[in-house]
Amino acid sequence: MRIEDSETVERFREQLDDWGVHPRGLGRHPKPDPFLLIALRPLYRAYPAAADAIRDVAETLDDLLALTRDDLLAVENVGPRSVEIVEAALADRGLGLRSPDGG
């Protein structure tokens, strides 16, 4: 690979990160919900495996908002810090996970 090619590939990866898309996630989720990707963008930057795992159980932003903190913690590869990142990203947009009491 020429140096220009590797620089182009790196720039492309950076753009994917900016868009909240992880390269390994593209094949697993062929039609991503752009609103879900925006909400998961910070998580993709910190823990891409956790973001992919969440996308396995939530195909849309509505699916994500219907989950509780405990639902997310039950997902493999998702830990407390990942949930905190998702909650903060949602709170920045005036949204939140479903509360355990159903509200």
N, C-alpha and C. Protein backbone atom coordinates (compact mmCIF):
# COMPACT_ATOMS: atom_id res chain seq x y z
N MET A 1 0.85 -1.17 0.00
CA MET A 1 0.00 0.00 0.00
C MET A 1 0.90 1.24 0.00
N ARG A 2 0.58 2.16 -0.87
CA ARG A 2 1.32 3.42 -0.90
C ARG A 2 0.93 4.27 0.30
N ILE A 3 1.80 5.20 0.64
CA ILE A 3 1.55 6.06 1.80
C ILE A 3 0.28 6.87 1.61
N GLU A 4 0.01 7.34 0.39
CA GLU A 4 -1.20 8.12 0.14
C GLU A 4 -2.45 7.27 0.41
N ASP A 5 -2.37 5.99 0.02
CA ASP A 5 -3.52 5.11 0.24
C ASP A 5 -3.78 4.91 1.72
N SER A 6 -2.73 4.70 2.49
CA SER A 6 -2.93 4.48 3.92
C SER A 6 -3.46 5.75 4.59
N GLU A 7 -3.02 6.91 4.11
CA GLU A 7 -3.55 8.16 4.66
C GLU A 7 -5.04 8.32 4.33
N THR A 8 -5.41 7.93 3.13
CA THR A 8 -6.82 8.01 2.72
C THR A 8 -7.67 7.08 3.58
N VAL A 9 -7.17 5.88 3.81
CA VAL A 9 -7.90 4.92 4.63
C VAL A 9 -8.07 5.47 6.05
N GLU A 10 -7.01 6.05 6.59
CA GLU A 10 -7.09 6.60 7.95
C GLU A 10 -8.08 7.76 8.01
N ARG A 11 -8.08 8.63 7.01
CA ARG A 11 -9.04 9.73 6.99
C ARG A 11 -10.47 9.20 6.92
N PHE A 12 -10.67 8.14 6.13
CA PHE A 12 -11.99 7.53 6.02
C PHE A 12 -12.43 6.96 7.38
N ARG A 13 -11.53 6.30 8.08
CA ARG A 13 -11.86 5.77 9.40
C ARG A 13 -12.21 6.89 10.37
N GLU A 14 -11.48 8.00 10.30
CA GLU A 14 -11.79 9.14 11.16
C GLU A 14 -13.18 9.70 10.85
N GLN A 15 -13.52 9.74 9.57
CA GLN A 15 -14.86 10.22 9.20
C GLN A 15 -15.93 9.28 9.74
N LEU A 16 -15.69 7.98 9.65
CA LEU A 16 -16.65 7.02 10.20
C LEU A 16 -16.82 7.25 11.69
N ASP A 17 -15.72 7.48 12.40
CA ASP A 17 -15.80 7.76 13.83
C ASP A 17 -16.62 9.02 14.08
N ASP A 18 -16.40 10.05 13.26
CA ASP A 18 -17.16 11.30 13.42
C ASP A 18 -18.64 11.08 13.19
N TRP A 19 -18.98 10.15 12.33
CA TRP A 19 -20.38 9.88 12.04
C TRP A 19 -20.99 8.89 13.02
N GLY A 20 -20.16 8.35 13.92
CA GLY A 20 -20.67 7.40 14.89
C GLY A 20 -20.80 5.99 14.36
N VAL A 21 -20.06 5.68 13.31
CA VAL A 21 -20.12 4.36 12.70
C VAL A 21 -18.77 3.69 12.89
N HIS A 22 -18.79 2.47 13.35
CA HIS A 22 -17.55 1.72 13.49
C HIS A 22 -17.41 0.80 12.28
N PRO A 23 -16.23 0.75 11.63
CA PRO A 23 -16.08 -0.05 10.41
C PRO A 23 -16.53 -1.49 10.55
N ARG A 24 -16.27 -2.12 11.68
CA ARG A 24 -16.69 -3.51 11.85
C ARG A 24 -18.20 -3.63 11.99
N GLY A 25 -18.86 -2.55 12.34
CA GLY A 25 -20.30 -2.60 12.54
C GLY A 25 -21.11 -2.51 11.26
N LEU A 26 -20.48 -2.07 10.17
CA LEU A 26 -21.23 -1.85 8.94
C LEU A 26 -21.87 -3.12 8.41
N GLY A 27 -21.14 -4.23 8.42
CA GLY A 27 -21.69 -5.48 7.90
C GLY A 27 -22.77 -6.07 8.79
N ARG A 28 -22.66 -5.83 10.07
CA ARG A 28 -23.62 -6.38 11.03
C ARG A 28 -24.93 -5.63 11.00
N HIS A 29 -24.90 -4.38 10.62
CA HIS A 29 -26.08 -3.52 10.66
C HIS A 29 -26.19 -2.76 9.33
N PRO A 30 -26.71 -3.42 8.31
CA PRO A 30 -26.69 -2.82 6.98
C PRO A 30 -27.50 -1.55 6.81
N LYS A 31 -28.58 -1.36 7.57
CA LYS A 31 -29.41 -0.15 7.44
C LYS A 31 -29.50 0.53 8.79
N PRO A 32 -28.46 1.26 9.17
CA PRO A 32 -28.47 1.87 10.49
C PRO A 32 -29.46 3.03 10.59
N ASP A 33 -30.06 3.16 11.77
CA ASP A 33 -30.92 4.29 12.07
C ASP A 33 -30.01 5.48 12.40
N PRO A 34 -30.06 6.55 11.61
CA PRO A 34 -29.13 7.67 11.85
C PRO A 34 -29.29 8.29 13.23
N PHE A 35 -30.50 8.30 13.77
CA PHE A 35 -30.71 8.88 15.10
C PHE A 35 -30.08 8.01 16.18
N LEU A 36 -30.13 6.69 16.00
CA LEU A 36 -29.48 5.79 16.94
C LEU A 36 -27.96 5.97 16.87
N LEU A 37 -27.43 6.12 15.66
CA LEU A 37 -25.99 6.32 15.50
C LEU A 37 -25.52 7.60 16.18
N ILE A 38 -26.31 8.65 16.07
CA ILE A 38 -25.95 9.91 16.73
C ILE A 38 -25.91 9.71 18.24
N ALA A 39 -26.88 9.00 18.78
CA ALA A 39 -26.92 8.76 20.22
C ALA A 39 -25.76 7.88 20.67
N LEU A 40 -25.33 6.96 19.81
CA LEU A 40 -24.26 6.03 20.19
C LEU A 40 -22.87 6.53 19.81
N ARG A 41 -22.78 7.66 19.14
CA ARG A 41 -21.48 8.16 18.68
C ARG A 41 -20.42 8.20 19.79
N PRO A 42 -20.70 8.78 20.96
CA PRO A 42 -19.67 8.81 22.00
C PRO A 42 -19.26 7.41 22.46
N LEU A 43 -20.22 6.49 22.48
CA LEU A 43 -19.90 5.12 22.89
C LEU A 43 -19.02 4.44 21.85
N TYR A 44 -19.28 4.68 20.56
CA TYR A 44 -18.43 4.10 19.52
C TYR A 44 -16.99 4.56 19.67
N ARG A 45 -16.80 5.81 20.08
CA ARG A 45 -15.44 6.33 20.26
C ARG A 45 -14.73 5.65 21.42
N ALA A 46 -15.45 5.36 22.49
CA ALA A 46 -14.84 4.79 23.69
C ALA A 46 -14.84 3.26 23.69
N TYR A 47 -15.98 2.67 23.36
CA TYR A 47 -16.14 1.21 23.44
C TYR A 47 -16.94 0.71 22.23
N PRO A 48 -16.29 0.55 21.09
CA PRO A 48 -17.03 0.13 19.88
C PRO A 48 -17.75 -1.20 20.02
N ALA A 49 -17.17 -2.14 20.76
CA ALA A 49 -17.84 -3.45 20.92
C ALA A 49 -19.15 -3.29 21.69
N ALA A 50 -19.15 -2.41 22.68
CA ALA A 50 -20.38 -2.18 23.45
C ALA A 50 -21.45 -1.52 22.57
N ALA A 51 -21.03 -0.58 21.74
CA ALA A 51 -21.98 0.08 20.85
C ALA A 51 -22.58 -0.91 19.86
N ASP A 52 -21.75 -1.78 19.31
CA ASP A 52 -22.26 -2.81 18.40
C ASP A 52 -23.22 -3.75 19.12
N ALA A 53 -22.90 -4.11 20.36
CA ALA A 53 -23.77 -4.99 21.13
C ALA A 53 -25.13 -4.34 21.37
N ILE A 54 -25.12 -3.05 21.66
CA ILE A 54 -26.39 -2.34 21.86
C ILE A 54 -27.18 -2.30 20.56
N ARG A 55 -26.49 -2.10 19.44
CA ARG A 55 -27.19 -2.09 18.15
C ARG A 55 -27.76 -3.45 17.81
N ASP A 56 -27.21 -4.51 18.40
CA ASP A 56 -27.78 -5.85 18.19
C ASP A 56 -29.14 -5.98 18.86
N VAL A 57 -29.39 -5.24 19.93
CA VAL A 57 -30.68 -5.34 20.64
C VAL A 57 -31.59 -4.15 20.38
N ALA A 58 -31.05 -3.07 19.84
CA ALA A 58 -31.85 -1.87 19.55
C ALA A 58 -31.55 -1.41 18.13
N GLU A 59 -32.50 -1.61 17.25
CA GLU A 59 -32.30 -1.24 15.85
C GLU A 59 -32.60 0.22 15.58
N THR A 60 -33.40 0.83 16.45
CA THR A 60 -33.77 2.24 16.27
C THR A 60 -33.59 2.98 17.58
N LEU A 61 -33.63 4.30 17.51
CA LEU A 61 -33.55 5.10 18.72
C LEU A 61 -34.73 4.79 19.65
N ASP A 62 -35.90 4.58 19.08
CA ASP A 62 -37.06 4.22 19.90
C ASP A 62 -36.83 2.92 20.67
N ASP A 63 -36.19 1.94 20.00
CA ASP A 63 -35.85 0.68 20.68
C ASP A 63 -34.94 0.95 21.87
N LEU A 64 -33.94 1.81 21.67
CA LEU A 64 -33.00 2.13 22.74
C LEU A 64 -33.72 2.82 23.91
N LEU A 65 -34.59 3.78 23.59
CA LEU A 65 -35.30 4.52 24.63
C LEU A 65 -36.27 3.63 25.41
N ALA A 66 -36.66 2.51 24.84
CA ALA A 66 -37.57 1.58 25.52
C ALA A 66 -36.84 0.68 26.51
N LEU A 67 -35.52 0.70 26.49
CA LEU A 67 -34.72 -0.14 27.39
C LEU A 67 -34.45 0.58 28.70
N THR A 68 -34.27 -0.20 29.75
CA THR A 68 -33.86 0.36 31.03
C THR A 68 -32.35 0.19 31.18
N ARG A 69 -31.80 0.83 32.19
CA ARG A 69 -30.38 0.68 32.50
C ARG A 69 -30.04 -0.81 32.72
N ASP A 70 -30.91 -1.51 33.47
CA ASP A 70 -30.68 -2.93 33.73
C ASP A 70 -30.73 -3.77 32.45
N ASP A 71 -31.63 -3.40 31.52
CA ASP A 71 -31.69 -4.09 30.22
C ASP A 71 -30.35 -3.98 29.50
N LEU A 72 -29.78 -2.77 29.50
CA LEU A 72 -28.50 -2.57 28.82
C LEU A 72 -27.37 -3.31 29.52
N LEU A 73 -27.39 -3.30 30.85
CA LEU A 73 -26.33 -3.99 31.60
C LEU A 73 -26.38 -5.50 31.39
N ALA A 74 -27.54 -6.02 31.01
CA ALA A 74 -27.68 -7.45 30.75
C ALA A 74 -27.11 -7.85 29.38
N VAL A 75 -26.82 -6.87 28.54
CA VAL A 75 -26.28 -7.14 27.21
C VAL A 75 -24.78 -7.45 27.33
N GLU A 76 -24.36 -8.52 26.68
CA GLU A 76 -22.94 -8.89 26.70
C GLU A 76 -22.09 -7.76 26.12
N ASN A 77 -20.96 -7.48 26.72
CA ASN A 77 -20.00 -6.43 26.33
C ASN A 77 -20.44 -5.03 26.74
N VAL A 78 -21.53 -4.90 27.48
CA VAL A 78 -21.98 -3.59 27.93
C VAL A 78 -21.84 -3.53 29.45
N GLY A 79 -21.04 -2.58 29.91
CA GLY A 79 -20.82 -2.42 31.34
C GLY A 79 -21.36 -1.10 31.85
N PRO A 80 -21.18 -0.84 33.13
CA PRO A 80 -21.71 0.39 33.73
C PRO A 80 -21.19 1.66 33.04
N ARG A 81 -19.92 1.70 32.70
CA ARG A 81 -19.38 2.90 32.05
C ARG A 81 -20.02 3.11 30.68
N SER A 82 -20.25 2.04 29.93
CA SER A 82 -20.91 2.16 28.63
C SER A 82 -22.32 2.73 28.79
N VAL A 83 -23.03 2.27 29.80
CA VAL A 83 -24.39 2.76 30.03
C VAL A 83 -24.35 4.24 30.42
N GLU A 84 -23.37 4.63 31.24
CA GLU A 84 -23.24 6.03 31.62
C GLU A 84 -23.01 6.91 30.39
N ILE A 85 -22.19 6.45 29.47
CA ILE A 85 -21.91 7.21 28.24
C ILE A 85 -23.19 7.36 27.42
N VAL A 86 -23.95 6.28 27.28
CA VAL A 86 -25.21 6.33 26.52
C VAL A 86 -26.20 7.27 27.21
N GLU A 87 -26.32 7.16 28.52
CA GLU A 87 -27.25 8.03 29.26
C GLU A 87 -26.87 9.50 29.10
N ALA A 88 -25.58 9.80 29.15
CA ALA A 88 -25.13 11.19 28.99
C ALA A 88 -25.43 11.70 27.58
N ALA A 89 -25.20 10.85 26.58
CA ALA A 89 -25.47 11.25 25.20
C ALA A 89 -26.95 11.51 24.99
N LEU A 90 -27.78 10.67 25.58
CA LEU A 90 -29.23 10.87 25.47
C LEU A 90 -29.67 12.13 26.23
N ALA A 91 -29.11 12.32 27.41
CA ALA A 91 -29.47 13.50 28.22
C ALA A 91 -29.10 14.80 27.50
N ASP A 92 -27.99 14.79 26.77
CA ASP A 92 -27.59 15.97 25.99
C ASP A 92 -28.65 16.34 24.96
N ARG A 93 -29.47 15.39 24.58
CA ARG A 93 -30.51 15.62 23.58
C ARG A 93 -31.90 15.66 24.21
N GLY A 94 -31.94 15.73 25.54
CA GLY A 94 -33.22 15.80 26.23
C GLY A 94 -33.96 14.47 26.26
N LEU A 95 -33.25 13.38 26.12
CA LEU A 95 -33.85 12.04 26.11
C LEU A 95 -33.30 11.22 27.25
N GLY A 96 -33.88 10.04 27.47
CA GLY A 96 -33.37 9.16 28.50
C GLY A 96 -33.89 7.75 28.32
N LEU A 97 -33.21 6.82 28.97
CA LEU A 97 -33.66 5.44 28.97
C LEU A 97 -34.96 5.34 29.77
N ARG A 98 -35.69 4.28 29.55
CA ARG A 98 -36.93 4.04 30.31
C ARG A 98 -36.55 3.79 31.76
N SER A 99 -37.32 4.32 32.66
CA SER A 99 -37.05 4.10 34.08
C SER A 99 -37.54 2.70 34.46
N PRO A 100 -36.96 2.11 35.51
CA PRO A 100 -37.35 0.75 35.90
C PRO A 100 -38.83 0.61 36.25
N ASP A 101 -39.45 1.69 36.69
CA ASP A 101 -40.87 1.61 37.05
C ASP A 101 -41.79 1.78 35.84
N GLY A 102 -41.18 1.84 34.66
CA GLY A 102 -41.97 1.91 33.43
C GLY A 102 -42.23 3.29 32.91
N GLY A 103 -41.73 4.32 33.57
CA GLY A 103 -41.99 5.69 33.15
C GLY A 103 -41.02 6.24 32.18
